[in-house]
């Protein structure tokens, strides 16, 4: 297939429908019937609630960003892709809040607000400034590379030791995150190739935003009792994503 036609195809709703059907068919809130729910002690439940609350913050950031970026997207296939991403992010937020309800959280909105990591909230503030400023490259970089790559890595690491129900939800979300990262890398990679000065501007964005997401998601791994090697793997995975765009 011609590269441009292929790019349009993978950004289409037609492609999206086929992709999500493969792993969401027969599920409810990202879970297949009969997924086990082993008991959690009070400390483990509290830690998981805090982690899920911050996942909800991250997904809300991406939901707000993907929806807002549709207006300034440069062409029709990109607008269509962002509409599919908006749906993905809304689903992620829904399945995580549903999991909170399963864990006995009576008011997820209040719990999310109370437990949100301040670093993640600061990332949201700065990211939405880029969106409001209609800085297409910087906003896509912050959302589809920095945030999505970090979430992808943390969700993978968390899934290794998560309870069965949380693991199943995370594995479904990870499949969506892979598409979102691919879009960001492709979109920015082509723009950097055409205008190399874009890389330096994005490097400044990265220096400002990297510490915020790294600190917030490192805190997440600490909450779920991840082993030390997982922290190192998180850094490597993220650095590999930005390295593909030419950032050392």
Protein backbone atom coordinates (compact mmCIF):
# COMPACT_ATOMS: atom_id res chain seq x y z
CA UNK A 1 0.00 0.00 0.00
CA UNK A 2 1.18 3.52 -0.73
CA UNK A 3 2.64 4.99 2.51
CA UNK A 4 0.19 7.91 2.54
CA UNK A 5 -2.80 5.61 1.97
CA UNK A 6 -1.52 3.26 4.67
CA UNK A 7 -1.18 6.17 7.09
CA UNK A 8 -4.74 7.26 6.35
CA UNK A 9 -5.98 3.70 6.81
CA UNK A 10 -4.45 3.17 10.27
CA UNK A 11 -5.90 6.49 11.41
CA UNK A 12 -9.41 5.57 10.30
CA UNK A 13 -12.45 4.46 12.27
CA UNK A 14 -12.57 1.39 10.03
CA UNK A 15 -9.15 0.29 11.30
CA UNK A 16 -10.07 1.26 14.89
CA UNK A 17 -13.26 -0.84 14.84
CA UNK A 18 -11.31 -3.93 13.79
CA UNK A 19 -8.57 -3.31 16.34
CA UNK A 20 -10.77 -2.89 19.40
CA UNK A 21 -13.11 -5.72 18.45
CA UNK A 22 -10.21 -8.14 18.80
CA UNK A 23 -9.74 -7.47 22.51
CA UNK A 24 -12.98 -5.89 23.74
CA UNK A 25 -15.58 -8.23 22.28
CA UNK A 26 -17.30 -10.14 25.06
CA UNK A 27 -16.02 -7.85 27.82
CA UNK A 28 -17.81 -5.52 30.20
CA UNK A 29 -15.78 -2.59 31.55
CA UNK A 30 -12.70 -4.27 30.08
CA UNK A 31 -13.35 -7.57 31.90
CA UNK A 32 -14.46 -10.98 30.68
CA UNK A 33 -17.20 -12.72 32.66
CA UNK A 34 -15.88 -14.60 35.66
CA UNK A 35 -12.60 -12.74 36.07
CA UNK A 36 -11.55 -13.66 39.64
CA UNK A 37 -11.50 -11.14 42.49
CA UNK A 38 -9.06 -12.36 45.15
CA UNK A 39 -9.29 -10.62 48.52
CA UNK A 40 -6.99 -7.66 49.20
CA UNK A 41 -5.90 -6.62 52.66
CA UNK A 42 -6.59 -3.03 53.74
CA UNK A 43 -3.11 -1.73 52.90
CA UNK A 44 -3.06 -3.32 49.43
CA UNK A 45 -6.55 -2.01 48.67
CA UNK A 46 -5.64 1.53 49.77
CA UNK A 47 -2.50 1.50 47.62
CA UNK A 48 -4.44 0.23 44.59
CA UNK A 49 -7.12 2.89 45.05
CA UNK A 50 -4.47 5.64 45.05
CA UNK A 51 -2.83 4.20 41.94
CA UNK A 52 -6.12 3.90 40.07
CA UNK A 53 -7.06 7.45 41.04
CA UNK A 54 -3.87 8.70 39.42
CA UNK A 55 -4.47 6.55 36.35
CA UNK A 56 -7.82 8.34 36.12
CA UNK A 57 -6.03 11.70 36.26
CA UNK A 58 -3.72 10.65 33.44
CA UNK A 59 -6.58 9.38 31.30
CA UNK A 60 -8.58 12.55 31.94
CA UNK A 61 -5.61 14.62 30.75
CA UNK A 62 -5.42 12.57 27.54
CA UNK A 63 -9.22 12.70 27.09
CA UNK A 64 -9.30 16.48 27.39
CA UNK A 65 -6.24 16.87 25.19
CA UNK A 66 -7.26 14.52 22.37
CA UNK A 67 -10.70 16.08 22.16
CA UNK A 68 -9.38 19.64 22.14
CA UNK A 69 -6.68 18.90 19.55
CA UNK A 70 -9.24 17.82 16.95
CA UNK A 71 -10.00 21.47 16.21
CA UNK A 72 -6.39 22.36 15.33
CA UNK A 73 -5.40 19.05 13.69
CA UNK A 74 -3.87 19.73 10.25
CA UNK A 75 -5.97 17.37 8.12
CA UNK A 76 -8.97 15.05 8.01
CA UNK A 77 -7.23 11.70 8.77
CA UNK A 78 -5.56 13.26 11.81
CA UNK A 79 -8.87 14.62 13.06
CA UNK A 80 -10.43 11.17 12.61
CA UNK A 81 -7.59 9.49 14.50
CA UNK A 82 -7.91 11.93 17.40
CA UNK A 83 -11.63 11.20 17.55
CA UNK A 84 -10.81 7.50 17.98
CA UNK A 85 -8.24 8.37 20.64
CA UNK A 86 -10.82 10.49 22.45
CA UNK A 87 -13.13 7.46 22.58
CA UNK A 88 -10.25 5.28 23.82
CA UNK A 89 -9.38 7.70 26.61
CA UNK A 90 -13.03 7.96 27.66
CA UNK A 91 -13.21 4.17 27.86
CA UNK A 92 -10.01 4.00 29.91
CA UNK A 93 -11.36 6.55 32.37
CA UNK A 94 -14.61 4.58 32.62
CA UNK A 95 -12.99 1.19 33.27
CA UNK A 96 -10.66 2.60 35.91
CA UNK A 97 -13.49 4.37 37.75
CA UNK A 98 -15.55 1.17 37.53
CA UNK A 99 -12.67 -0.72 39.12
CA UNK A 100 -12.61 1.88 41.91
CA UNK A 101 -16.30 1.20 42.49
CA UNK A 102 -15.59 -2.54 42.67
CA UNK A 103 -13.05 -1.77 45.37
CA UNK A 104 -15.72 -0.02 47.42
CA UNK A 105 -15.04 3.60 46.51
CA UNK A 106 -18.42 5.28 46.89
CA UNK A 107 -17.50 8.63 45.31
CA UNK A 108 -14.75 8.15 42.69
CA UNK A 109 -14.70 11.84 41.71
CA UNK A 110 -13.98 12.96 45.27
CA UNK A 111 -11.45 10.19 45.79
CA UNK A 112 -9.59 11.06 42.57
CA UNK A 113 -9.43 14.72 43.57
CA UNK A 114 -8.16 13.85 47.05
CA UNK A 115 -5.48 11.40 45.91
CA UNK A 116 -4.23 13.04 42.70
CA UNK A 117 -0.45 13.44 42.54
CA UNK A 118 0.42 17.20 42.48
CA UNK A 119 3.10 16.59 39.85
CA UNK A 120 0.52 15.06 37.52
CA UNK A 121 -1.83 17.98 38.08
CA UNK A 122 0.98 20.39 37.23
CA UNK A 123 1.65 18.40 34.04
CA UNK A 124 -2.05 18.77 33.17
CA UNK A 125 -1.89 22.55 33.68
CA UNK A 126 1.16 22.98 31.47
CA UNK A 127 -0.10 20.57 28.80
CA UNK A 128 -3.46 22.32 28.49
CA UNK A 129 -1.59 25.62 28.10
CA UNK A 130 0.07 24.12 25.00
CA UNK A 131 -3.34 23.00 23.71
CA UNK A 132 -4.92 26.41 24.30
CA UNK A 133 -1.93 28.03 22.62
CA UNK A 134 -2.59 25.82 19.57
CA UNK A 135 1.00 24.56 19.60
CA UNK A 136 0.31 21.40 17.61
CA UNK A 137 3.76 19.78 17.73
CA UNK A 138 4.36 20.49 21.41
CA UNK A 139 0.89 19.34 22.47
CA UNK A 140 1.14 16.10 20.48
CA UNK A 141 4.61 15.51 21.92
CA UNK A 142 3.40 16.07 25.49
CA UNK A 143 0.34 13.88 25.06
CA UNK A 144 1.21 11.11 22.60
CA UNK A 145 4.88 10.71 23.43
CA UNK A 146 5.63 11.86 26.99
CA UNK A 147 2.35 10.96 28.72
CA UNK A 148 1.36 7.95 26.62
CA UNK A 149 4.82 6.38 26.64
CA UNK A 150 5.01 6.75 30.40
CA UNK A 151 1.53 5.28 30.91
CA UNK A 152 2.30 2.42 28.52
CA UNK A 153 5.44 1.52 30.47
CA UNK A 154 3.84 1.83 33.92
CA UNK A 155 0.75 -0.16 32.93
CA UNK A 156 2.97 -2.96 31.58
CA UNK A 157 5.02 -3.08 34.76
CA UNK A 158 1.97 -2.90 37.04
CA UNK A 159 0.20 -5.67 35.11
CA UNK A 160 2.97 -8.12 35.99
CA UNK A 161 2.03 -8.14 39.67
CA UNK A 162 -1.55 -6.85 39.63
CA UNK A 163 -4.59 -8.76 40.87
CA UNK A 164 -6.37 -10.63 38.01
CA UNK A 165 -9.12 -8.06 37.44
CA UNK A 166 -6.81 -5.05 37.41
CA UNK A 167 -4.36 -6.94 35.18
CA UNK A 168 -7.03 -7.71 32.59
CA UNK A 169 -8.10 -4.07 32.44
CA UNK A 170 -4.50 -2.87 32.10
CA UNK A 171 -3.70 -5.28 29.28
CA UNK A 172 -6.63 -3.99 27.27
CA UNK A 173 -5.66 -0.37 27.87
CA UNK A 174 -2.05 -1.08 26.85
CA UNK A 175 -3.20 -2.15 23.38
CA UNK A 176 -4.77 1.28 22.87
CA UNK A 177 -1.74 3.13 24.21
CA UNK A 178 0.47 1.44 21.63
CA UNK A 179 -1.63 2.98 18.83
CA UNK A 180 -1.53 6.42 20.45
CA UNK A 181 2.25 6.37 20.79
CA UNK A 182 2.62 5.22 17.17
CA UNK A 183 0.55 8.16 15.99
CA UNK A 184 2.67 10.65 17.95
CA UNK A 185 5.96 9.22 16.75
CA UNK A 186 4.84 9.13 13.12
CA UNK A 187 3.32 12.62 13.14
CA UNK A 188 6.31 14.25 14.84
CA UNK A 189 8.94 12.18 13.08
CA UNK A 190 7.76 13.47 9.70
CA UNK A 191 7.58 17.06 10.94
CA UNK A 192 11.08 16.92 12.44
CA UNK A 193 12.42 15.51 9.16
CA UNK A 194 10.89 18.44 7.28
CA UNK A 195 11.85 21.11 9.83
CA UNK A 196 14.79 20.04 12.05
CA UNK A 197 14.40 23.13 14.25
CA UNK A 198 11.22 21.55 15.65
CA UNK A 199 13.39 19.05 17.55
CA UNK A 200 15.07 21.76 19.64
CA UNK A 201 11.73 23.32 20.54
CA UNK A 202 10.38 19.94 21.59
CA UNK A 203 13.54 19.30 23.59
CA UNK A 204 12.68 22.36 25.70
CA UNK A 205 9.15 21.03 26.21
CA UNK A 206 10.58 17.69 27.25
CA UNK A 207 12.95 19.24 29.79
CA UNK A 208 10.02 21.05 31.40
CA UNK A 209 7.59 18.12 31.47
CA UNK A 210 9.76 15.01 31.90
CA UNK A 211 10.31 15.38 35.66
CA UNK A 212 6.58 15.82 36.32
CA UNK A 213 5.45 12.56 34.72
CA UNK A 214 8.54 10.61 35.82
CA UNK A 215 8.04 11.56 39.45
CA UNK A 216 4.30 10.88 39.41
CA UNK A 217 4.59 7.46 37.79
CA UNK A 218 7.61 6.47 39.87
CA UNK A 219 5.37 7.12 42.86
CA UNK A 220 2.81 4.79 41.27
CA UNK A 221 5.33 1.95 41.07
CA UNK A 222 6.29 2.53 44.68
CA UNK A 223 2.62 2.24 45.69
CA UNK A 224 2.21 -1.16 44.04
CA UNK A 225 5.46 -2.45 45.57
CA UNK A 226 7.34 -2.81 42.29
CA UNK A 227 10.87 -4.24 42.53
CA UNK A 228 13.84 -1.94 42.00
CA UNK A 229 14.51 -3.27 38.49
CA UNK A 230 11.07 -2.08 37.39
CA UNK A 231 12.06 1.51 38.11
CA UNK A 232 15.11 1.11 35.88
CA UNK A 233 12.98 -0.52 33.18
CA UNK A 234 10.50 2.36 33.30
CA UNK A 235 13.27 4.83 32.55
CA UNK A 236 14.70 2.70 29.74
CA UNK A 237 11.31 2.18 28.10
CA UNK A 238 10.53 5.87 28.14
CA UNK A 239 13.98 6.86 26.86
CA UNK A 240 13.59 4.41 23.97
CA UNK A 241 10.35 6.14 22.94
CA UNK A 242 11.87 9.63 22.86
CA UNK A 243 15.09 8.32 21.29
CA UNK A 244 13.09 7.22 18.25
CA UNK A 245 12.45 10.91 17.62
CA UNK A 246 16.12 11.75 17.93
CA UNK A 247 16.23 12.86 21.57
CA UNK A 248 19.24 11.57 23.50
